[in-house]
Amino acid sequence: MAKVKTSFFCQNCGTQHPQWQGQCRGCKEWNTLVEEVLEKQTNPITTPAKTAKRVALPTHIDAVDLQQHQRMSTHDAELDRVLGGGIVPGAVVLLGGEPGIGKSTLFLQLSLQLNGKVLYVSGEESEQQIKMRAARMQNSNSNCYLLAETRTENILMQLAQQQADLVVIDSIQTLHTDTIDSGAGSVSQIKASAAALIAYAKAQQTPIVLVGHITKEGALAGPKILEHMVDTVLQFEGDRNHVYRILRAQKNRFGATSEIGIYQMQAQGLQAVDNPSSILLSEHASALSGHAIAATIEGIRPLFVEVQALVSTAVYGTPQRNSTGFNSKRLNMLLAVLEKRAGFSLGTKDVFINIAGGLHVEDAALDLAVVAAILSSDLDSTLSNTIAFAAEVGLSGEIRPVAQLEQRIREAAKLGFKTVVVSKFSSVQIEEKNIRVQAFEKIEEVVAFLFS
């Protein structure tokens, strides 16, 4: 009888250890090591002899035919954009996101609107529960089949029988294979199940979509090697308290990772947002102080967001510095620049910043809009809603240029803005006649232009 081989795996990062120890040497977390079986005990008498496998032969690159492997459209403009034009045959896509963000809803919609045979495998819901969710959606697909199964061998058997054009697995953490003697969701089970599904996808040229759980830190649960094994890694971001969701590609072997897709959660499911700027910008009957519009870039798509600021006298001693959707450390830096370079005394005042719509923006071009919104609230002076800002603010108070400025200005002209405030050091060549580009070198010049 062969000896049972075991090892210890970290359930947080997947690092393998030869023996148990209190702290993982990979992620430095404590008490995360769990013993898992690497190889089951086998009986040499009853175990069949291993058959010889077919040896793959090299093929000249010019002999590879791509005509029969065109991308499959998902009939979802946002998803197609993120994937690089559609789903590649044989590709394996992994989607991660917070619980309740809409991962299952997104791919159930994909299954219902795809022109082809789809097998939707769920290890978390029954077939009746999936049907209840599908009934709320407006799409229908007569070739969509449901399978409630968690055993990997049974799923592979059904895949061979159904010969589907697309397979959705929800989720990879619920699968288990008999070749590994450990619970579902363990590092070994995830690696073995994912490897078997990837081998089937490559051999049969059938695209497979995997839904993945995430850890409390926001990373995909399971071993890091899972992200290396798949072809595309998508991240679904957003706040469950808001209706907007952002689909972002963290890895894509068949396209760029700079594209994003924006969705709006509704009762019928996720609806693609073609023009997110028109939705994120608030409509006010009258001008309000503390509001400024920023021309940002998400991926390669221009996006206009509203920055809201509130400046008030601190009545509880230490002034508060709170921001929602904007980096709090960068906010403190901008406040120091305003006090040192522009002469505004904000050290005894509370400052609150909010990005409308529940978005979190990391673009440095947001700096000037944040400064303008803070000064507007502090002076209680309104800014015109036809002005947009697109510039970075340096520590010495200089207005620094940002990338893809021409694209931001063209989008501003389409949305009806009349003026865009940019850096004087930007090399802009815009032929738009109905928009004016105001360029400044120092923060003092911007203050004089806005509030003189």
Protein backbone atom coordinates (compact mmCIF):
# COMPACT_ATOMS: atom_id res chain seq x y z
CA MET A 1 0.00 0.00 0.00
CA ALA A 2 1.37 3.40 -0.98
CA LYS A 3 1.86 5.93 1.76
CA VAL A 4 -0.57 8.85 1.94
CA LYS A 5 1.25 12.08 1.04
CA THR A 6 0.15 15.25 2.80
CA SER A 7 1.31 18.84 3.04
CA PHE A 8 0.26 22.05 4.75
CA PHE A 9 -1.22 24.90 2.70
CA CYS A 10 -1.94 28.47 3.74
CA GLN A 11 -5.64 29.16 3.21
CA ASN A 12 -4.90 32.86 2.69
CA CYS A 13 -2.15 32.89 0.04
CA GLY A 14 -1.72 29.21 -0.94
CA THR A 15 1.93 28.82 0.13
CA GLN A 16 2.89 25.17 0.67
CA HIS A 17 4.75 24.14 3.84
CA PRO A 18 6.30 20.74 4.61
CA GLN A 19 5.08 20.85 8.22
CA TRP A 20 2.71 22.87 10.39
CA GLN A 21 3.89 26.16 11.79
CA GLY A 22 2.06 29.03 13.44
CA GLN A 23 2.84 31.72 10.87
CA CYS A 24 2.78 31.43 7.08
CA ARG A 25 6.16 32.38 5.61
CA GLY A 26 4.43 33.71 2.49
CA CYS A 27 1.80 36.19 3.72
CA LYS A 28 2.89 36.31 7.40
CA GLU A 29 -0.65 35.48 8.58
CA TRP A 30 -1.10 33.38 11.73
CA ASN A 31 -2.98 30.08 12.12
CA THR A 32 -3.88 29.74 8.42
CA LEU A 33 -2.10 26.44 7.66
CA VAL A 34 -4.32 23.41 7.00
CA GLU A 35 -3.15 19.89 6.23
CA GLU A 36 -4.31 18.59 2.85
CA VAL A 37 -3.81 15.26 1.11
CA LEU A 38 -1.63 15.44 -1.97
CA GLU A 39 -1.99 11.83 -3.06
CA LYS A 40 -4.53 9.26 -1.91
CA GLN A 41 -3.62 5.81 -0.75
CA THR A 42 -3.80 3.41 -3.72
CA ASN A 43 -3.81 -0.34 -4.10
CA PRO A 44 -1.27 -1.50 -6.73
CA ILE A 45 -3.32 -4.63 -7.37
CA THR A 46 -6.56 -2.85 -8.26
CA THR A 47 -5.04 0.28 -9.79
CA PRO A 48 -4.97 -0.02 -13.62
CA ALA A 49 -1.72 0.54 -15.42
CA LYS A 50 -1.16 4.00 -16.82
CA THR A 51 -1.82 4.17 -20.52
CA ALA A 52 0.56 5.97 -22.81
CA LYS A 53 -0.56 9.49 -23.60
CA ARG A 54 -0.51 11.04 -27.06
CA VAL A 55 2.58 13.15 -27.59
CA ALA A 56 1.90 16.64 -28.95
CA LEU A 57 3.87 17.57 -32.07
CA PRO A 58 5.10 21.07 -32.93
CA THR A 59 3.27 23.06 -35.59
CA HIS A 60 4.74 25.80 -37.73
CA ILE A 61 3.28 29.16 -36.79
CA ASP A 62 2.29 29.93 -40.39
CA ALA A 63 0.27 26.69 -40.51
CA VAL A 64 -2.00 27.72 -37.62
CA ASP A 65 -5.43 28.68 -38.96
CA LEU A 66 -7.28 31.48 -37.20
CA GLN A 67 -10.30 31.63 -39.51
CA GLN A 68 -12.23 29.06 -37.48
CA HIS A 69 -11.44 30.70 -34.15
CA GLN A 70 -13.14 34.07 -34.36
CA ARG A 71 -14.24 35.85 -31.20
CA MET A 72 -17.74 35.17 -29.92
CA SER A 73 -19.82 38.28 -29.28
CA THR A 74 -21.59 38.41 -25.92
CA HIS A 75 -24.16 40.97 -27.19
CA ASP A 76 -23.05 43.14 -24.27
CA ALA A 77 -21.11 46.17 -25.50
CA GLU A 78 -19.46 46.79 -22.13
CA LEU A 79 -18.36 43.18 -21.62
CA ASP A 80 -17.12 42.91 -25.21
CA ARG A 81 -15.08 46.07 -24.73
CA VAL A 82 -13.40 44.76 -21.56
CA LEU A 83 -12.67 41.36 -23.13
CA GLY A 84 -11.10 42.99 -26.17
CA GLY A 85 -13.89 42.40 -28.69
CA GLY A 86 -15.60 39.23 -27.45
CA ILE A 87 -14.82 35.80 -26.02
CA VAL A 88 -11.95 33.88 -27.61
CA PRO A 89 -12.64 30.16 -28.24
CA GLY A 90 -10.92 28.06 -25.59
CA ALA A 91 -10.36 31.03 -23.28
CA VAL A 92 -10.84 30.74 -19.52
CA VAL A 93 -12.16 33.88 -17.84
CA LEU A 94 -12.09 34.40 -14.05
CA LEU A 95 -14.38 37.01 -12.46
CA GLY A 96 -14.00 38.20 -8.86
CA GLY A 97 -15.89 40.70 -6.76
CA GLU A 98 -17.54 41.46 -3.43
CA PRO A 99 -20.51 39.32 -2.34
CA GLY A 100 -23.75 40.69 -3.76
CA ILE A 101 -22.01 42.93 -6.29
CA GLY A 102 -23.65 41.15 -9.26
CA LYS A 103 -21.16 38.51 -10.47
CA SER A 104 -23.75 35.76 -10.90
CA THR A 105 -26.25 38.22 -12.39
CA LEU A 106 -23.76 39.35 -15.03
CA PHE A 107 -23.01 35.85 -16.31
CA LEU A 108 -26.58 34.64 -16.03
CA GLN A 109 -27.51 37.54 -18.33
CA LEU A 110 -24.68 36.47 -20.63
CA SER A 111 -26.06 32.92 -20.70
CA LEU A 112 -29.55 34.15 -21.58
CA GLN A 113 -28.56 36.54 -24.38
CA LEU A 114 -25.82 34.53 -26.12
CA ASN A 115 -26.54 33.07 -29.55
CA GLY A 116 -25.46 29.52 -28.84
CA LYS A 117 -25.68 26.64 -26.43
CA VAL A 118 -24.75 27.57 -22.85
CA LEU A 119 -24.28 25.32 -19.84
CA TYR A 120 -24.66 27.22 -16.56
CA VAL A 121 -23.20 25.20 -13.68
CA SER A 122 -23.98 26.39 -10.16
CA GLY A 123 -22.61 25.01 -6.93
CA GLU A 124 -24.32 27.63 -4.79
CA GLU A 125 -27.93 27.64 -6.01
CA SER A 126 -30.48 25.07 -7.06
CA GLU A 127 -31.96 25.05 -10.55
CA GLN A 128 -35.21 26.51 -9.21
CA GLN A 129 -33.39 29.42 -7.58
CA ILE A 130 -31.51 30.19 -10.79
CA LYS A 131 -34.78 30.11 -12.72
CA MET A 132 -36.29 32.61 -10.28
CA ARG A 133 -33.45 35.05 -10.94
CA ALA A 134 -33.65 34.49 -14.68
CA ALA A 135 -37.38 35.24 -14.68
CA ARG A 136 -36.64 38.84 -13.65
CA MET A 137 -34.48 39.40 -16.72
CA GLN A 138 -35.87 40.36 -20.08
CA ASN A 139 -33.64 38.02 -22.12
CA SER A 140 -34.33 34.38 -22.91
CA ASN A 141 -32.26 31.64 -24.53
CA SER A 142 -33.84 28.35 -25.59
CA ASN A 143 -30.36 26.77 -25.60
CA CYS A 144 -29.47 27.63 -21.99
CA TYR A 145 -29.09 24.57 -19.74
CA LEU A 146 -28.77 24.59 -15.95
CA LEU A 147 -26.76 22.14 -13.84
CA ALA A 148 -26.58 22.16 -10.04
CA GLU A 149 -23.40 20.15 -9.38
CA THR A 150 -20.18 20.50 -7.37
CA ARG A 151 -18.27 17.32 -8.28
CA THR A 152 -15.72 18.13 -10.97
CA GLU A 153 -15.83 14.67 -12.58
CA ASN A 154 -19.61 14.88 -13.05
CA ILE A 155 -19.30 18.35 -14.56
CA LEU A 156 -16.67 17.18 -17.05
CA MET A 157 -18.88 14.25 -18.01
CA GLN A 158 -21.80 16.62 -18.71
CA LEU A 159 -19.54 18.93 -20.68
CA ALA A 160 -18.55 16.06 -22.94
CA GLN A 161 -22.20 15.12 -23.51
CA GLN A 162 -23.66 18.62 -23.96
CA GLN A 163 -20.94 20.08 -26.23
CA ALA A 164 -21.89 23.62 -25.22
CA ASP A 165 -20.58 26.77 -26.90
CA LEU A 166 -19.99 28.42 -23.51
CA VAL A 167 -19.69 27.09 -19.96
CA VAL A 168 -20.25 29.17 -16.81
CA ILE A 169 -19.03 27.82 -13.45
CA ASP A 170 -20.47 29.57 -10.38
CA SER A 171 -18.26 29.29 -8.44
CA ILE A 172 -14.84 27.64 -8.64
CA GLN A 173 -14.56 27.54 -4.81
CA THR A 174 -17.55 25.19 -4.54
CA LEU A 175 -16.09 22.45 -6.77
CA HIS A 176 -14.32 19.36 -5.49
CA THR A 177 -12.61 16.42 -7.16
CA ASP A 178 -12.21 12.88 -5.88
CA THR A 179 -8.49 12.93 -6.64
CA ILE A 180 -7.88 15.31 -3.71
CA ASP A 181 -8.90 14.30 -0.20
CA SER A 182 -9.72 17.72 1.21
CA GLY A 183 -12.75 19.96 1.52
CA ALA A 184 -14.17 22.15 -1.23
CA GLY A 185 -12.60 25.59 -1.33
CA SER A 186 -9.18 24.42 -0.18
CA VAL A 187 -6.09 25.38 -2.13
CA SER A 188 -5.56 21.86 -3.50
CA GLN A 189 -9.20 21.47 -4.60
CA ILE A 190 -9.26 24.82 -6.38
CA LYS A 191 -6.01 24.07 -8.23
CA ALA A 192 -7.08 20.57 -9.27
CA SER A 193 -10.60 21.56 -10.36
CA ALA A 194 -9.39 24.61 -12.26
CA ALA A 195 -6.65 22.61 -14.00
CA ALA A 196 -9.17 19.99 -15.18
CA LEU A 197 -11.56 22.64 -16.54
CA ILE A 198 -8.75 24.54 -18.26
CA ALA A 199 -7.50 21.34 -19.91
CA TYR A 200 -11.02 20.68 -21.25
CA ALA A 201 -11.37 24.26 -22.53
CA LYS A 202 -8.08 24.13 -24.43
CA ALA A 203 -8.69 20.67 -25.86
CA GLN A 204 -12.27 21.32 -27.03
CA GLN A 205 -11.86 25.06 -27.80
CA THR A 206 -14.81 25.78 -25.51
CA PRO A 207 -14.65 29.04 -23.52
CA ILE A 208 -15.25 28.66 -19.79
CA VAL A 209 -16.17 31.44 -17.38
CA LEU A 210 -15.28 30.96 -13.70
CA VAL A 211 -16.83 33.00 -10.90
CA GLY A 212 -14.47 33.39 -7.93
CA HIS A 213 -14.85 34.47 -4.32
CA ILE A 214 -12.59 37.09 -2.77
CA THR A 215 -10.91 37.37 0.61
CA LYS A 216 -11.56 40.06 3.21
CA GLU A 217 -8.59 42.00 1.76
CA GLY A 218 -10.31 42.08 -1.65
CA ALA A 219 -8.02 39.59 -3.44
CA LEU A 220 -9.29 36.50 -5.23
CA ALA A 221 -9.61 33.61 -2.81
CA GLY A 222 -7.46 30.55 -3.38
CA PRO A 223 -3.93 30.16 -4.68
CA LYS A 224 -2.32 32.98 -6.65
CA ILE A 225 -1.44 30.44 -9.33
CA LEU A 226 -5.14 30.36 -10.28
CA GLU A 227 -4.81 33.86 -11.74
CA HIS A 228 -1.75 32.73 -13.71
CA MET A 229 -3.53 29.66 -15.09
CA VAL A 230 -6.52 31.48 -16.59
CA ASP A 231 -6.40 33.73 -19.65
CA THR A 232 -8.40 36.68 -18.35
CA VAL A 233 -8.99 38.02 -14.83
CA LEU A 234 -11.89 40.44 -14.39
CA GLN A 235 -12.72 42.43 -11.27
CA PHE A 236 -16.25 43.64 -10.55
CA GLU A 237 -16.10 46.78 -8.42
CA GLY A 238 -18.68 49.02 -6.82
CA ASP A 239 -20.66 49.69 -3.68
CA ARG A 240 -23.75 47.61 -2.96
CA ASN A 241 -25.40 50.78 -1.63
CA HIS A 242 -25.06 52.43 -5.04
CA VAL A 243 -26.38 51.35 -8.43
CA TYR A 244 -23.16 51.68 -10.43
CA ARG A 245 -20.72 48.85 -11.08
CA ILE A 246 -17.34 48.92 -12.84
CA LEU A 247 -15.97 45.87 -14.66
CA ARG A 248 -12.20 46.06 -14.94
CA ALA A 249 -9.69 43.69 -16.57
CA GLN A 250 -6.67 42.96 -14.37
CA LYS A 251 -5.21 40.48 -16.85
CA ASN A 252 -6.10 39.77 -20.48
CA ARG A 253 -4.01 37.64 -22.82
CA PHE A 254 -6.24 38.56 -25.76
CA GLY A 255 -6.72 42.29 -25.26
CA ALA A 256 -5.79 45.42 -23.35
CA THR A 257 -6.26 45.82 -19.61
CA SER A 258 -7.01 49.55 -19.89
CA GLU A 259 -10.69 49.18 -20.82
CA ILE A 260 -13.53 49.27 -18.31
CA GLY A 261 -17.25 48.54 -18.48
CA ILE A 262 -19.84 50.46 -16.48
CA TYR A 263 -23.18 48.96 -15.43
CA GLN A 264 -26.22 50.11 -13.53
CA MET A 265 -27.95 47.65 -11.21
CA GLN A 266 -31.71 47.58 -11.75
CA ALA A 267 -34.56 45.25 -10.87
CA GLN A 268 -34.24 43.51 -14.26
CA GLY A 269 -30.51 42.97 -13.79
CA LEU A 270 -27.40 44.83 -14.89
CA GLN A 271 -27.88 47.46 -17.59
CA ALA A 272 -24.92 48.73 -19.59
CA VAL A 273 -24.29 52.47 -19.28
CA ASP A 274 -23.35 53.96 -22.66
CA ASN A 275 -22.77 57.51 -21.42
CA PRO A 276 -21.88 57.33 -17.71
CA SER A 277 -20.92 61.01 -17.47
CA SER A 278 -24.48 62.16 -18.12
CA ILE A 279 -25.67 59.99 -15.21
CA LEU A 280 -22.91 60.78 -12.73
CA LEU A 281 -23.29 64.55 -13.12
CA SER A 282 -26.03 65.97 -10.93
CA GLU A 283 -28.75 68.21 -12.32
CA HIS A 284 -29.25 71.25 -10.11
CA ALA A 285 -32.06 73.76 -10.52
CA SER A 286 -29.75 76.43 -9.09
CA ALA A 287 -25.99 76.74 -8.70
CA LEU A 288 -24.55 75.38 -5.45
CA SER A 289 -21.24 76.10 -3.77
CA GLY A 290 -18.76 73.32 -3.18
CA HIS A 291 -19.36 71.55 -6.51
CA ALA A 292 -16.80 71.08 -9.31
CA ILE A 293 -16.61 68.84 -12.38
CA ALA A 294 -13.50 66.75 -13.05
CA ALA A 295 -12.53 65.26 -16.40
CA THR A 296 -11.02 61.89 -15.49
CA ILE A 297 -9.96 58.82 -17.45
CA GLU A 298 -11.00 55.30 -16.45
CA GLY A 299 -8.97 52.95 -18.61
CA ILE A 300 -9.07 54.76 -21.95
CA ARG A 301 -12.62 56.06 -21.53
CA PRO A 302 -13.15 59.72 -20.52
CA LEU A 303 -15.43 60.04 -17.52
CA PHE A 304 -16.78 63.23 -15.97
CA VAL A 305 -17.52 63.07 -12.26
CA GLU A 306 -18.80 65.60 -9.77
CA VAL A 307 -16.62 66.50 -6.80
CA GLN A 308 -18.53 67.71 -3.76
CA ALA A 309 -16.81 69.56 -0.91
CA LEU A 310 -17.94 70.91 2.44
CA VAL A 311 -15.76 73.23 4.51
CA SER A 312 -17.00 74.28 7.94
CA THR A 313 -15.56 75.59 11.20
CA ALA A 314 -14.25 72.83 13.48
CA VAL A 315 -16.25 72.89 16.71
CA TYR A 316 -14.85 69.71 18.29
CA GLY A 317 -11.20 70.71 18.60
CA THR A 318 -9.17 68.72 16.07
CA PRO A 319 -10.34 69.44 12.47
CA GLN A 320 -11.70 66.48 10.52
CA ARG A 321 -10.41 65.43 7.11
CA ASN A 322 -12.80 62.89 5.55
CA SER A 323 -13.04 61.80 1.92
CA THR A 324 -15.28 59.34 0.09
CA GLY A 325 -14.03 58.11 -3.28
CA PHE A 326 -10.81 60.15 -3.07
CA ASN A 327 -7.44 59.40 -1.46
CA SER A 328 -7.42 60.95 2.02
CA LYS A 329 -3.62 61.36 2.05
CA ARG A 330 -3.77 63.28 -1.20
CA LEU A 331 -6.51 65.46 0.29
CA ASN A 332 -4.21 66.43 3.16
CA MET A 333 -1.49 67.29 0.64
CA LEU A 334 -3.81 69.55 -1.36
CA LEU A 335 -4.95 71.33 1.79
CA ALA A 336 -1.31 72.00 2.72
CA VAL A 337 -0.65 73.39 -0.77
CA LEU A 338 -3.66 75.71 -0.50
CA GLU A 339 -2.48 77.03 2.85
CA LYS A 340 1.17 77.42 1.85
CA ARG A 341 0.87 78.63 -1.76
CA ALA A 342 -2.58 80.23 -2.03
CA GLY A 343 -2.86 81.75 1.44
CA PHE A 344 -6.06 80.00 2.54
CA SER A 345 -6.18 79.16 6.24
CA LEU A 346 -7.91 75.79 6.48
CA GLY A 347 -6.09 74.44 9.54
CA THR A 348 -9.03 75.15 11.87
CA LYS A 349 -11.79 73.93 9.54
CA ASP A 350 -13.40 70.58 8.83
CA VAL A 351 -13.07 69.44 5.21
CA PHE A 352 -15.25 66.74 3.66
CA ILE A 353 -14.87 65.44 0.08
CA ASN A 354 -17.27 63.17 -1.78
CA ILE A 355 -17.25 61.78 -5.33
CA ALA A 356 -20.86 61.64 -6.51
CA GLY A 357 -22.22 58.27 -7.61
CA GLY A 358 -20.21 56.17 -5.17
CA LEU A 359 -17.18 55.92 -7.47
CA HIS A 360 -13.58 55.69 -6.29
CA VAL A 361 -11.24 57.66 -8.58
CA GLU A 362 -7.43 57.44 -8.48
CA ASP A 363 -6.76 59.73 -11.46
CA ALA A 364 -4.37 62.58 -10.57
CA ALA A 365 -6.38 64.88 -12.87
CA LEU A 366 -8.94 65.08 -10.07
CA ASP A 367 -6.64 67.36 -8.02
CA LEU A 368 -7.67 70.69 -9.53
CA ALA A 369 -11.38 69.90 -9.28
CA VAL A 370 -10.95 68.98 -5.60
CA VAL A 371 -9.13 72.27 -4.96
CA ALA A 372 -11.82 74.25 -6.79
CA ALA A 373 -14.63 72.52 -4.86
CA ILE A 374 -12.90 73.17 -1.51
CA LEU A 375 -12.38 76.86 -2.26
CA SER A 376 -15.94 77.18 -3.56
CA SER A 377 -17.30 75.83 -0.29
CA ASP A 378 -14.91 77.85 1.88
CA LEU A 379 -15.75 81.12 0.11
CA ASP A 380 -19.40 80.10 -0.34
CA SER A 381 -19.07 81.06 -4.00
CA THR A 382 -20.61 79.01 -6.77
CA LEU A 383 -18.77 77.70 -9.82
CA SER A 384 -20.31 77.62 -13.27
CA ASN A 385 -21.56 74.17 -14.23
CA THR A 386 -20.05 74.70 -17.71
CA ILE A 387 -16.46 74.53 -16.38
CA ALA A 388 -14.51 71.27 -16.15
CA PHE A 389 -11.07 70.72 -14.59
CA ALA A 390 -8.32 68.40 -15.79
CA ALA A 391 -4.95 68.98 -14.12
CA GLU A 392 -2.70 67.76 -11.34
CA VAL A 393 -1.52 70.00 -8.51
CA GLY A 394 2.12 69.82 -7.41
CA LEU A 395 3.60 70.49 -3.97
CA SER A 396 4.91 73.89 -5.04
CA GLY A 397 1.47 74.91 -6.28
CA GLU A 398 2.22 74.37 -9.96
CA ILE A 399 -0.50 73.08 -12.28
CA ARG A 400 0.85 69.91 -13.89
CA PRO A 401 -0.34 68.34 -17.17
CA VAL A 402 -2.19 65.02 -17.39
CA ALA A 403 -2.28 62.31 -20.02
CA GLN A 404 -4.87 61.97 -22.79
CA LEU A 405 -5.94 65.58 -22.43
CA GLU A 406 -7.24 65.89 -25.98
CA GLN A 407 -9.63 63.03 -25.39
CA ARG A 408 -10.94 64.67 -22.22
CA ILE A 409 -11.53 67.98 -23.98
CA ARG A 410 -13.38 66.39 -26.89
CA GLU A 411 -15.64 64.55 -24.48
CA ALA A 412 -16.25 67.80 -22.58
CA ALA A 413 -17.35 69.48 -25.80
CA LYS A 414 -19.80 66.65 -26.51
CA LEU A 415 -21.35 67.03 -23.04
CA GLY A 416 -21.86 70.77 -23.47
CA PHE A 417 -19.06 72.20 -21.33
CA LYS A 418 -17.83 75.63 -22.40
CA THR A 419 -14.49 75.83 -20.57
CA VAL A 420 -11.82 73.30 -19.56
CA VAL A 421 -9.12 74.39 -17.10
CA VAL A 422 -5.78 72.69 -17.80
CA SER A 423 -2.06 73.12 -17.19
CA LYS A 424 -0.08 75.70 -19.14
CA PHE A 425 2.55 73.05 -19.78
CA SER A 426 0.12 70.86 -21.72
CA SER A 427 0.64 70.59 -25.47
CA VAL A 428 -2.97 70.66 -26.62
CA GLN A 429 -4.06 70.72 -30.23
CA ILE A 430 -7.83 70.88 -30.26
CA GLU A 431 -9.96 72.10 -33.14
CA GLU A 432 -13.21 72.22 -31.16
CA LYS A 433 -14.83 75.61 -31.78
CA ASN A 434 -17.50 75.53 -29.08
CA ILE A 435 -15.15 75.05 -26.11
CA ARG A 436 -12.44 77.22 -24.58
CA VAL A 437 -9.24 75.86 -23.04
CA GLN A 438 -7.95 77.92 -20.10
CA ALA A 439 -4.31 77.14 -19.25
CA PHE A 440 -2.64 78.18 -15.99
CA GLU A 441 0.79 77.72 -14.44
CA LYS A 442 0.19 78.30 -10.71
CA ILE A 443 -2.64 77.60 -8.29
CA GLU A 444 -2.84 81.35 -7.53
CA GLU A 445 -3.81 82.03 -11.15
CA VAL A 446 -6.65 79.50 -10.97
CA VAL A 447 -7.97 81.08 -7.77
CA ALA A 448 -7.96 84.53 -9.39
CA PHE A 449 -9.72 83.22 -12.49
CA LEU A 450 -12.48 81.46 -10.55
CA PHE A 451 -13.16 83.83 -7.66
CA SER A 452 -11.95 87.30 -8.68
